[in-house]
Amino acid sequence: MEQFKKQPRLPKFAVPKRYDLRLKPDLSACKFTGSVSIDVDVVADTRFIVLNAAELSIDTGSVSFSPPNSSKVFEPSKVDLVEEDEILVLDFADTLPLGV
């Protein structure tokens, strides 16, 4: 996880292809809640997915990775929100499948 800290860009082993966002704004409190589903293309062997996450609170119990055309669900063994670098690091026990 330390290798992702203080980097100017996200690593290139898992490239996002599509974001489906669902937001529920609270305009009086200047806050929002919501969810996101992200399609990623895993292009190199990795056990990690690193995402931008500036000023967000994450429900770590709701984070998972599901390859398309598969019933398998990968649950991260560790979820780290690194506030000073504004990233979320998902660490999986197994290598993620390529081309997903």
PDB file of N, CA and C in Angstrom:
ATOM      1  N   MET A   1       0.811  -1.194   0.000  1.00  0.00           N
ATOM      2  CA  MET A   1       0.000   0.000   0.000  1.00  0.00           C
ATOM      3  C   MET A   1       0.851   1.252   0.000  1.00  0.00           C
ATOM      4  N   GLU A   2       1.986   1.192   0.636  1.00  0.00           N
ATOM      5  CA  GLU A   2       2.877   2.352   0.715  1.00  0.00           C
ATOM      6  C   GLU A   2       3.330   2.830  -0.669  1.00  0.00           C
ATOM      7  N   GLN A   3       3.423   1.913  -1.633  1.00  0.00           N
ATOM      8  CA  GLN A   3       3.904   2.295  -2.957  1.00  0.00           C
ATOM      9  C   GLN A   3       2.950   3.237  -3.687  1.00  0.00           C
ATOM     10  N   PHE A   4       1.716   3.381  -3.204  1.00  0.00           N
ATOM     11  CA  PHE A   4       0.748   4.251  -3.868  1.00  0.00           C
ATOM     12  C   PHE A   4       0.702   5.650  -3.267  1.00  0.00           C
ATOM     13  N   LYS A   5       1.309   5.834  -2.123  1.00  0.00           N
ATOM     14  CA  LYS A   5       1.295   7.136  -1.470  1.00  0.00           C
ATOM     15  C   LYS A   5       2.215   8.117  -2.191  1.00  0.00           C
ATOM     16  N   LYS A   6       1.803   9.383  -2.156  1.00  0.00           N
ATOM     17  CA  LYS A   6       2.602  10.499  -2.694  1.00  0.00           C
ATOM     18  C   LYS A   6       2.897  10.368  -4.186  1.00  0.00           C
ATOM     19  N   GLN A   7       2.042   9.685  -4.925  1.00  0.00           N
ATOM     20  CA  GLN A   7       2.194   9.571  -6.372  1.00  0.00           C
ATOM     21  C   GLN A   7       1.314  10.614  -7.064  1.00  0.00           C
ATOM     22  N   PRO A   8       1.808  11.247  -8.138  1.00  0.00           N
ATOM     23  CA  PRO A   8       1.007  12.278  -8.805  1.00  0.00           C
ATOM     24  C   PRO A   8      -0.159  11.719  -9.619  1.00  0.00           C
ATOM     25  N   ARG A   9      -0.089  10.453 -10.011  1.00  0.00           N
ATOM     26  CA  ARG A   9      -1.127   9.835 -10.841  1.00  0.00           C
ATOM     27  C   ARG A   9      -1.496   8.459 -10.274  1.00  0.00           C
ATOM     28  N   LEU A  10      -2.677   8.000 -10.659  1.00  0.00           N
ATOM     29  CA  LEU A  10      -3.092   6.649 -10.281  1.00  0.00           C
ATOM     30  C   LEU A  10      -2.286   5.631 -11.091  1.00  0.00           C
ATOM     31  N   PRO A  11      -2.032   4.438 -10.523  1.00  0.00           N
ATOM     32  CA  PRO A  11      -1.325   3.399 -11.285  1.00  0.00           C
ATOM     33  C   PRO A  11      -2.164   2.951 -12.487  1.00  0.00           C
ATOM     34  N   LYS A  12      -1.494   2.391 -13.489  1.00  0.00           N
ATOM     35  CA  LYS A  12      -2.139   2.049 -14.767  1.00  0.00           C
ATOM     36  C   LYS A  12      -2.514   0.578 -14.911  1.00  0.00           C
ATOM     37  N   PHE A  13      -2.448  -0.233 -13.838  1.00  0.00           N
ATOM     38  CA  PHE A  13      -2.763  -1.657 -13.981  1.00  0.00           C
ATOM     39  C   PHE A  13      -4.258  -1.945 -13.998  1.00  0.00           C
ATOM     40  N   ALA A  14      -5.077  -1.012 -13.551  1.00  0.00           N
ATOM     41  CA  ALA A  14      -6.533  -1.145 -13.616  1.00  0.00           C
ATOM     42  C   ALA A  14      -7.088   0.193 -14.104  1.00  0.00           C
ATOM     43  N   VAL A  15      -7.548   0.223 -15.354  1.00  0.00           N
ATOM     44  CA  VAL A  15      -7.965   1.457 -16.007  1.00  0.00           C
ATOM     45  C   VAL A  15      -9.489   1.555 -16.002  1.00  0.00           C
ATOM     46  N   PRO A  16     -10.048   2.639 -15.429  1.00  0.00           N
ATOM     47  CA  PRO A  16     -11.505   2.778 -15.428  1.00  0.00           C
ATOM     48  C   PRO A  16     -12.042   3.014 -16.837  1.00  0.00           C
ATOM     49  N   LYS A  17     -13.179   2.348 -17.152  1.00  0.00           N
ATOM     50  CA  LYS A  17     -13.809   2.495 -18.460  1.00  0.00           C
ATOM     51  C   LYS A  17     -15.148   3.220 -18.371  1.00  0.00           C
ATOM     52  N   ARG A  18     -15.844   3.044 -17.257  1.00  0.00           N
ATOM     53  CA  ARG A  18     -17.192   3.619 -17.133  1.00  0.00           C
ATOM     54  C   ARG A  18     -17.528   3.789 -15.661  1.00  0.00           C
ATOM     55  N   TYR A  19     -18.198   4.901 -15.354  1.00  0.00           N
ATOM     56  CA  TYR A  19     -18.660   5.179 -13.997  1.00  0.00           C
ATOM     57  C   TYR A  19     -20.177   5.320 -14.033  1.00  0.00           C
ATOM     58  N   ASP A  20     -20.872   4.609 -13.168  1.00  0.00           N
ATOM     59  CA  ASP A  20     -22.309   4.795 -12.964  1.00  0.00           C
ATOM     60  C   ASP A  20     -22.487   5.376 -11.570  1.00  0.00           C
ATOM     61  N   LEU A  21     -22.874   6.643 -11.501  1.00  0.00           N
ATOM     62  CA  LEU A  21     -23.018   7.349 -10.233  1.00  0.00           C
ATOM     63  C   LEU A  21     -24.480   7.512  -9.862  1.00  0.00           C
ATOM     64  N   ARG A  22     -24.763   7.370  -8.589  1.00  0.00           N
ATOM     65  CA  ARG A  22     -26.080   7.667  -8.037  1.00  0.00           C
ATOM     66  C   ARG A  22     -25.835   8.588  -6.843  1.00  0.00           C
ATOM     67  N   LEU A  23     -26.275   9.834  -6.965  1.00  0.00           N
ATOM     68  CA  LEU A  23     -26.037  10.831  -5.928  1.00  0.00           C
ATOM     69  C   LEU A  23     -27.352  11.345  -5.367  1.00  0.00           C
ATOM     70  N   LYS A  24     -27.350  11.601  -4.066  1.00  0.00           N
ATOM     71  CA  LYS A  24     -28.494  12.196  -3.396  1.00  0.00           C
ATOM     72  C   LYS A  24     -27.971  13.420  -2.630  1.00  0.00           C
ATOM     73  N   PRO A  25     -28.110  14.607  -3.243  1.00  0.00           N
ATOM     74  CA  PRO A  25     -27.572  15.811  -2.597  1.00  0.00           C
ATOM     75  C   PRO A  25     -28.466  16.306  -1.458  1.00  0.00           C
ATOM     76  N   ASP A  26     -27.828  16.852  -0.437  1.00  0.00           N
ATOM     77  CA  ASP A  26     -28.504  17.572   0.643  1.00  0.00           C
ATOM     78  C   ASP A  26     -28.018  19.016   0.521  1.00  0.00           C
ATOM     79  N   LEU A  27     -28.755  19.834  -0.212  1.00  0.00           N
ATOM     80  CA  LEU A  27     -28.309  21.187  -0.530  1.00  0.00           C
ATOM     81  C   LEU A  27     -28.210  22.082   0.690  1.00  0.00           C
ATOM     82  N   SER A  28     -29.061  21.870   1.676  1.00  0.00           N
ATOM     83  CA  SER A  28     -29.002  22.723   2.869  1.00  0.00           C
ATOM     84  C   SER A  28     -27.755  22.439   3.704  1.00  0.00           C
ATOM     85  N   ALA A  29     -27.269  21.207   3.707  1.00  0.00           N
ATOM     86  CA  ALA A  29     -26.072  20.848   4.471  1.00  0.00           C
ATOM     87  C   ALA A  29     -24.804  20.851   3.610  1.00  0.00           C
ATOM     88  N   CYS A  30     -24.954  21.096   2.304  1.00  0.00           N
ATOM     89  CA  CYS A  30     -23.823  21.066   1.356  1.00  0.00           C
ATOM     90  C   CYS A  30     -23.089  19.733   1.422  1.00  0.00           C
ATOM     91  N   LYS A  31     -23.850  18.639   1.456  1.00  0.00           N
ATOM     92  CA  LYS A  31     -23.292  17.288   1.483  1.00  0.00           C
ATOM     93  C   LYS A  31     -24.076  16.411   0.512  1.00  0.00           C
ATOM     94  N   PHE A  32     -23.578  15.212   0.307  1.00  0.00           N
ATOM     95  CA  PHE A  32     -24.310  14.256  -0.517  1.00  0.00           C
ATOM     96  C   PHE A  32     -24.011  12.839  -0.046  1.00  0.00           C
ATOM     97  N   THR A  33     -24.905  11.927  -0.402  1.00  0.00           N
ATOM     98  CA  THR A  33     -24.667  10.498  -0.242  1.00  0.00           C
ATOM     99  C   THR A  33     -24.833   9.887  -1.625  1.00  0.00           C
ATOM    100  N   GLY A  34     -24.378   8.663  -1.774  1.00  0.00           N
ATOM    101  CA  GLY A  34     -24.536   8.036  -3.070  1.00  0.00           C
ATOM    102  C   GLY A  34     -23.755   6.760  -3.188  1.00  0.00           C
ATOM    103  N   SER A  35     -23.732   6.255  -4.397  1.00  0.00           N
ATOM    104  CA  SER A  35     -22.996   5.032  -4.688  1.00  0.00           C
ATOM    105  C   SER A  35     -22.407   5.152  -6.089  1.00  0.00           C
ATOM    106  N   VAL A  36     -21.401   4.324  -6.346  1.00  0.00           N
ATOM    107  CA  VAL A  36     -20.778   4.296  -7.667  1.00  0.00           C
ATOM    108  C   VAL A  36     -20.461   2.855  -8.044  1.00  0.00           C
ATOM    109  N   SER A  37     -20.654   2.557  -9.307  1.00  0.00           N
ATOM    110  CA  SER A  37     -20.239   1.284  -9.888  1.00  0.00           C
ATOM    111  C   SER A  37     -19.245   1.639 -10.983  1.00  0.00           C
ATOM    112  N   ILE A  38     -18.057   1.061 -10.925  1.00  0.00           N
ATOM    113  CA  ILE A  38     -16.994   1.415 -11.866  1.00  0.00           C
ATOM    114  C   ILE A  38     -16.588   0.177 -12.654  1.00  0.00           C
ATOM    115  N   ASP A  39     -16.660   0.264 -13.983  1.00  0.00           N
ATOM    116  CA  ASP A  39     -16.127  -0.785 -14.848  1.00  0.00           C
ATOM    117  C   ASP A  39     -14.651  -0.492 -15.056  1.00  0.00           C
ATOM    118  N   VAL A  40     -13.796  -1.459 -14.735  1.00  0.00           N
ATOM    119  CA  VAL A  40     -12.356  -1.281 -14.925  1.00  0.00           C
ATOM    120  C   VAL A  40     -11.816  -2.370 -15.845  1.00  0.00           C
ATOM    121  N   ASP A  41     -10.772  -2.022 -16.563  1.00  0.00           N
ATOM    122  CA  ASP A  41     -10.059  -2.968 -17.404  1.00  0.00           C
ATOM    123  C   ASP A  41      -8.746  -3.288 -16.690  1.00  0.00           C
ATOM    124  N   VAL A  42      -8.614  -4.500 -16.181  1.00  0.00           N
ATOM    125  CA  VAL A  42      -7.389  -4.923 -15.500  1.00  0.00           C
ATOM    126  C   VAL A  42      -6.405  -5.327 -16.594  1.00  0.00           C
ATOM    127  N   VAL A  43      -5.330  -4.533 -16.764  1.00  0.00           N
ATOM    128  CA  VAL A  43      -4.404  -4.723 -17.876  1.00  0.00           C
ATOM    129  C   VAL A  43      -3.059  -5.319 -17.463  1.00  0.00           C
ATOM    130  N   ALA A  44      -2.845  -5.476 -16.163  1.00  0.00           N
ATOM    131  CA  ALA A  44      -1.602  -6.088 -15.667  1.00  0.00           C
ATOM    132  C   ALA A  44      -1.910  -6.821 -14.371  1.00  0.00           C
ATOM    133  N   ASP A  45      -1.101  -7.821 -14.060  1.00  0.00           N
ATOM    134  CA  ASP A  45      -1.307  -8.574 -12.822  1.00  0.00           C
ATOM    135  C   ASP A  45      -1.278  -7.632 -11.625  1.00  0.00           C
ATOM    136  N   THR A  46      -2.323  -7.710 -10.821  1.00  0.00           N
ATOM    137  CA  THR A  46      -2.393  -6.869  -9.632  1.00  0.00           C
ATOM    138  C   THR A  46      -3.362  -7.469  -8.624  1.00  0.00           C
ATOM    139  N   ARG A  47      -3.127  -7.116  -7.374  1.00  0.00           N
ATOM    140  CA  ARG A  47      -4.058  -7.425  -6.294  1.00  0.00           C
ATOM    141  C   ARG A  47      -4.706  -6.139  -5.791  1.00  0.00           C
ATOM    142  N   PHE A  48      -4.394  -5.012  -6.445  1.00  0.00           N
ATOM    143  CA  PHE A  48      -4.849  -3.716  -5.968  1.00  0.00           C
ATOM    144  C   PHE A  48      -5.700  -2.992  -6.999  1.00  0.00           C
ATOM    145  N   ILE A  49      -6.618  -2.197  -6.500  1.00  0.00           N
ATOM    146  CA  ILE A  49      -7.305  -1.180  -7.290  1.00  0.00           C
ATOM    147  C   ILE A  49      -7.150   0.104  -6.498  1.00  0.00           C
ATOM    148  N   VAL A  50      -6.713   1.171  -7.180  1.00  0.00           N
ATOM    149  CA  VAL A  50      -6.505   2.468  -6.539  1.00  0.00           C
ATOM    150  C   VAL A  50      -7.425   3.482  -7.211  1.00  0.00           C
ATOM    151  N   LEU A  51      -8.198   4.194  -6.406  1.00  0.00           N
ATOM    152  CA  LEU A  51      -9.175   5.151  -6.911  1.00  0.00           C
ATOM    153  C   LEU A  51      -8.969   6.514  -6.272  1.00  0.00           C
ATOM    154  N   ASN A  52      -9.352   7.570  -6.985  1.00  0.00           N
ATOM    155  CA  ASN A  52      -9.382   8.900  -6.377  1.00  0.00           C
ATOM    156  C   ASN A  52     -10.533   8.955  -5.389  1.00  0.00           C
ATOM    157  N   ALA A  53     -10.308   9.587  -4.250  1.00  0.00           N
ATOM    158  CA  ALA A  53     -11.348   9.669  -3.220  1.00  0.00           C
ATOM    159  C   ALA A  53     -11.102  10.903  -2.351  1.00  0.00           C
ATOM    160  N   ALA A  54     -11.336  12.064  -2.916  1.00  0.00           N
ATOM    161  CA  ALA A  54     -11.103  13.313  -2.189  1.00  0.00           C
ATOM    162  C   ALA A  54     -12.306  13.653  -1.316  1.00  0.00           C
ATOM    163  N   GLU A  55     -12.064  13.815  -0.030  1.00  0.00           N
ATOM    164  CA  GLU A  55     -13.074  14.251   0.931  1.00  0.00           C
ATOM    165  C   GLU A  55     -14.334  13.379   0.909  1.00  0.00           C
ATOM    166  N   LEU A  56     -14.142  12.064   0.882  1.00  0.00           N
ATOM    167  CA  LEU A  56     -15.258  11.120   0.888  1.00  0.00           C
ATOM    168  C   LEU A  56     -15.201  10.234   2.122  1.00  0.00           C
ATOM    169  N   SER A  57     -16.366   9.816   2.584  1.00  0.00           N
ATOM    170  CA  SER A  57     -16.477   8.770   3.600  1.00  0.00           C
ATOM    171  C   SER A  57     -16.932   7.522   2.865  1.00  0.00           C
ATOM    172  N   ILE A  58     -16.236   6.429   3.063  1.00  0.00           N
ATOM    173  CA  ILE A  58     -16.504   5.199   2.324  1.00  0.00           C
ATOM    174  C   ILE A  58     -17.056   4.137   3.265  1.00  0.00           C
ATOM    175  N   ASP A  59     -18.158   3.492   2.857  1.00  0.00           N
ATOM    176  CA  ASP A  59     -18.682   2.329   3.568  1.00  0.00           C
ATOM    177  C   ASP A  59     -17.882   1.125   3.069  1.00  0.00           C
ATOM    178  N   THR A  60     -16.814   0.784   3.789  1.00  0.00           N
ATOM    179  CA  THR A  60     -15.899  -0.255   3.317  1.00  0.00           C
ATOM    180  C   THR A  60     -16.564  -1.623   3.189  1.00  0.00           C
ATOM    181  N   GLY A  61     -17.637  -1.858   3.898  1.00  0.00           N
ATOM    182  CA  GLY A  61     -18.343  -3.130   3.799  1.00  0.00           C
ATOM    183  C   GLY A  61     -19.100  -3.303   2.497  1.00  0.00           C
ATOM    184  N   SER A  62     -19.264  -2.222   1.744  1.00  0.00           N
ATOM    185  CA  SER A  62     -20.011  -2.302   0.493  1.00  0.00           C
ATOM    186  C   SER A  62     -19.104  -2.332  -0.735  1.00  0.00           C
ATOM    187  N   VAL A  63     -17.790  -2.447  -0.532  1.00  0.00           N
ATOM    188  CA  VAL A  63     -16.831  -2.423  -1.637  1.00  0.00           C
ATOM    189  C   VAL A  63     -16.523  -3.848  -2.077  1.00  0.00           C
ATOM    190  N   SER A  64     -16.612  -4.098  -3.401  1.00  0.00           N
ATOM    191  CA  SER A  64     -16.272  -5.415  -3.950  1.00  0.00           C
ATOM    192  C   SER A  64     -15.898  -5.270  -5.422  1.00  0.00           C
ATOM    193  N   PHE A  65     -15.378  -6.350  -5.997  1.00  0.00           N
ATOM    194  CA  PHE A  65     -15.013  -6.399  -7.412  1.00  0.00           C
ATOM    195  C   PHE A  65     -15.664  -7.634  -8.007  1.00  0.00           C
ATOM    196  N   SER A  66     -16.450  -7.440  -9.065  1.00  0.00           N
ATOM    197  CA  SER A  66     -17.144  -8.547  -9.723  1.00  0.00           C
ATOM    198  C   SER A  66     -16.799  -8.557 -11.203  1.00  0.00           C
ATOM    199  N   PRO A  67     -16.056  -9.560 -11.671  1.00  0.00           N
ATOM    200  CA  PRO A  67     -15.757  -9.630 -13.108  1.00  0.00           C
ATOM    201  C   PRO A  67     -17.040  -9.845 -13.911  1.00  0.00           C
ATOM    202  N   PRO A  68     -17.163  -9.198 -15.074  1.00  0.00           N
ATOM    203  CA  PRO A  68     -18.343  -9.427 -15.907  1.00  0.00           C
ATOM    204  C   PRO A  68     -18.389 -10.879 -16.377  1.00  0.00           C
ATOM    205  N   ASN A  69     -19.569 -11.362 -16.614  1.00  0.00           N
ATOM    206  CA  ASN A  69     -19.784 -12.733 -17.083  1.00  0.00           C
ATOM    207  C   ASN A  69     -19.262 -13.773 -16.100  1.00  0.00           C
ATOM    208  N   SER A  70     -19.274 -13.423 -14.826  1.00  0.00           N
ATOM    209  CA  SER A  70     -18.816 -14.341 -13.786  1.00  0.00           C
ATOM    210  C   SER A  70     -19.658 -14.118 -12.535  1.00  0.00           C
ATOM    211  N   SER A  71     -19.872 -15.168 -11.784  1.00  0.00           N
ATOM    212  CA  SER A  71     -20.617 -15.029 -10.528  1.00  0.00           C
ATOM    213  C   SER A  71     -19.679 -14.798  -9.345  1.00  0.00           C
ATOM    214  N   LYS A  72     -18.362 -14.836  -9.607  1.00  0.00           N
ATOM    215  CA  LYS A  72     -17.387 -14.650  -8.537  1.00  0.00           C
ATOM    216  C   LYS A  72     -17.338 -13.185  -8.100  1.00  0.00           C
ATOM    217  N   VAL A  73     -17.276 -12.991  -6.793  1.00  0.00           N
ATOM    218  CA  VAL A  73     -17.143 -11.651  -6.220  1.00  0.00           C
ATOM    219  C   VAL A  73     -15.874 -11.633  -5.385  1.00  0.00           C
ATOM    220  N   PHE A  74     -15.006 -10.689  -5.681  1.00  0.00           N
ATOM    221  CA  PHE A  74     -13.780 -10.503  -4.914  1.00  0.00           C
ATOM    222  C   PHE A  74     -14.042  -9.465  -3.836  1.00  0.00           C
ATOM    223  N   GLU A  75     -13.856  -9.847  -2.586  1.00  0.00           N
ATOM    224  CA  GLU A  75     -13.987  -8.911  -1.465  1.00  0.00           C
ATOM    225  C   GLU A  75     -12.578  -8.458  -1.091  1.00  0.00           C
ATOM    226  N   PRO A  76     -12.356  -7.156  -0.958  1.00  0.00           N
ATOM    227  CA  PRO A  76     -11.009  -6.721  -0.580  1.00  0.00           C
ATOM    228  C   PRO A  76     -10.661  -7.180   0.828  1.00  0.00           C
ATOM    229  N   SER A  77      -9.419  -7.613   1.009  1.00  0.00           N
ATOM    230  CA  SER A  77      -8.968  -8.008   2.339  1.00  0.00           C
ATOM    231  C   SER A  77      -8.649  -6.778   3.181  1.00  0.00           C
ATOM    232  N   LYS A  78      -8.380  -5.667   2.492  1.00  0.00           N
ATOM    233  CA  LYS A  78      -8.084  -4.418   3.191  1.00  0.00           C
ATOM    234  C   LYS A  78      -8.553  -3.257   2.324  1.00  0.00           C
ATOM    235  N   VAL A  79      -9.162  -2.257   2.953  1.00  0.00           N
ATOM    236  CA  VAL A  79      -9.595  -1.036   2.275  1.00  0.00           C
ATOM    237  C   VAL A  79      -8.994   0.137   3.037  1.00  0.00           C
ATOM    238  N   ASP A  80      -8.128   0.899   2.365  1.00  0.00           N
ATOM    239  CA  ASP A  80      -7.465   2.038   3.002  1.00  0.00           C
ATOM    240  C   ASP A  80      -7.858   3.327   2.314  1.00  0.00           C
ATOM    241  N   LEU A  81      -8.386   4.258   3.075  1.00  0.00           N
ATOM    242  CA  LEU A  81      -8.642   5.604   2.596  1.00  0.00           C
ATOM    243  C   LEU A  81      -7.462   6.458   3.048  1.00  0.00           C
ATOM    244  N   VAL A  82      -6.658   6.899   2.101  1.00  0.00           N
ATOM    245  CA  VAL A  82      -5.460   7.689   2.405  1.00  0.00           C
ATOM    246  C   VAL A  82      -5.830   9.150   2.157  1.00  0.00           C
ATOM    247  N   GLU A  83      -6.288   9.813   3.211  1.00  0.00           N
ATOM    248  CA  GLU A  83      -6.832  11.164   3.070  1.00  0.00           C
ATOM    249  C   GLU A  83      -5.812  12.168   2.564  1.00  0.00           C
ATOM    250  N   GLU A  84      -4.553  12.087   3.023  1.00  0.00           N
ATOM    251  CA  GLU A  84      -3.557  13.073   2.599  1.00  0.00           C
ATOM    252  C   GLU A  84      -3.231  12.979   1.112  1.00  0.00           C
ATOM    253  N   ASP A  85      -3.418  11.800   0.499  1.00  0.00           N
ATOM    254  CA  ASP A  85      -3.188  11.622  -0.937  1.00  0.00           C
ATOM    255  C   ASP A  85      -4.493  11.546  -1.730  1.00  0.00           C
ATOM    256  N   GLU A  86      -5.613  11.614  -1.039  1.00  0.00           N
ATOM    257  CA  GLU A  86      -6.945  11.584  -1.653  1.00  0.00           C
ATOM    258  C   GLU A  86      -7.153  10.352  -2.531  1.00  0.00           C
ATOM    259  N   ILE A  87      -6.755   9.183  -1.984  1.00  0.00           N
ATOM    260  CA  ILE A  87      -6.938   7.926  -2.718  1.00  0.00           C
ATOM    261  C   ILE A  87      -7.584   6.873  -1.823  1.00  0.00           C
ATOM    262  N   LEU A  88      -8.223   5.919  -2.472  1.00  0.00           N
ATOM    263  CA  LEU A  88      -8.776   4.735  -1.826  1.00  0.00           C
ATOM    264  C   LEU A  88      -8.037   3.543  -2.412  1.00  0.00           C
ATOM    265  N   VAL A  89      -7.413   2.727  -1.562  1.00  0.00           N
ATOM    266  CA  VAL A  89      -6.650   1.567  -2.022  1.00  0.00           C
ATOM    267  C   VAL A  89      -7.382   0.303  -1.584  1.00  0.00           C
ATOM    268  N   LEU A  90      -7.753  -0.511  -2.562  1.00  0.00           N
ATOM    269  CA  LEU A  90      -8.407  -1.801  -2.310  1.00  0.00           C
ATOM    270  C   LEU A  90      -7.356  -2.884  -2.495  1.00  0.00           C
ATOM    271  N   ASP A  91      -7.129  -3.670  -1.469  1.00  0.00           N
ATOM    272  CA  ASP A  91      -6.123  -4.734  -1.484  1.00  0.00           C
ATOM    273  C   ASP A  91      -6.874  -6.068  -1.445  1.00  0.00           C
ATOM    274  N   PHE A  92      -6.693  -6.890  -2.466  1.00  0.00           N
ATOM    275  CA  PHE A  92      -7.379  -8.179  -2.560  1.00  0.00           C
ATOM    276  C   PHE A  92      -6.399  -9.313  -2.247  1.00  0.00           C
ATOM    277  N   ALA A  93      -6.888 -10.393  -1.691  1.00  0.00           N
ATOM    278  CA  ALA A  93      -6.052 -11.541  -1.359  1.00  0.00           C
ATOM    279  C   ALA A  93      -5.540 -12.249  -2.608  1.00  0.00           C
ATOM    280  N   ASP A  94      -6.338 -12.218  -3.676  1.00  0.00           N
ATOM    281  CA  ASP A  94      -5.981 -12.908  -4.918  1.00  0.00           C
ATOM    282  C   ASP A  94      -5.718 -11.897  -6.021  1.00  0.00           C
ATOM    283  N   THR A  95      -4.928 -12.314  -7.010  1.00  0.00           N
ATOM    284  CA  THR A  95      -4.699 -11.490  -8.196  1.00  0.00           C
ATOM    285  C   THR A  95      -6.012 -11.381  -8.968  1.00  0.00           C
ATOM    286  N   LEU A  96      -6.317 -10.179  -9.419  1.00  0.00           N
ATOM    287  CA  LEU A  96      -7.546  -9.954 -10.162  1.00  0.00           C
ATOM    288  C   LEU A  96      -7.404 -10.477 -11.603  1.00  0.00           C
ATOM    289  N   PRO A  97      -8.499 -10.961 -12.192  1.00  0.00           N
ATOM    290  CA  PRO A  97      -8.403 -11.491 -13.549  1.00  0.00           C
ATOM    291  C   PRO A  97      -8.135 -10.380 -14.573  1.00  0.00           C
ATOM    292  N   LEU A  98      -7.299 -10.682 -15.558  1.00  0.00           N
ATOM    293  CA  LEU A  98      -6.964  -9.727 -16.606  1.00  0.00           C
ATOM    294  C   LEU A  98      -8.118  -9.535 -17.578  1.00  0.00           C
ATOM    295  N   GLY A  99      -8.122  -8.355 -18.211  1.00  0.00           N
ATOM    296  CA  GLY A  99      -9.080  -8.087 -19.267  1.00  0.00           C
ATOM    297  C   GLY A  99     -10.496  -7.898 -18.809  1.00  0.00           C
ATOM    298  N   VAL A 100     -10.672  -7.500 -17.588  1.00  0.00           N
ATOM    299  CA  VAL A 100     -12.016  -7.348 -17.038  1.00  0.00           C
ATOM    300  C   VAL A 100     -12.392  -5.898 -17.017  1.00  0.00           C
TER     301      VAL A 100
END
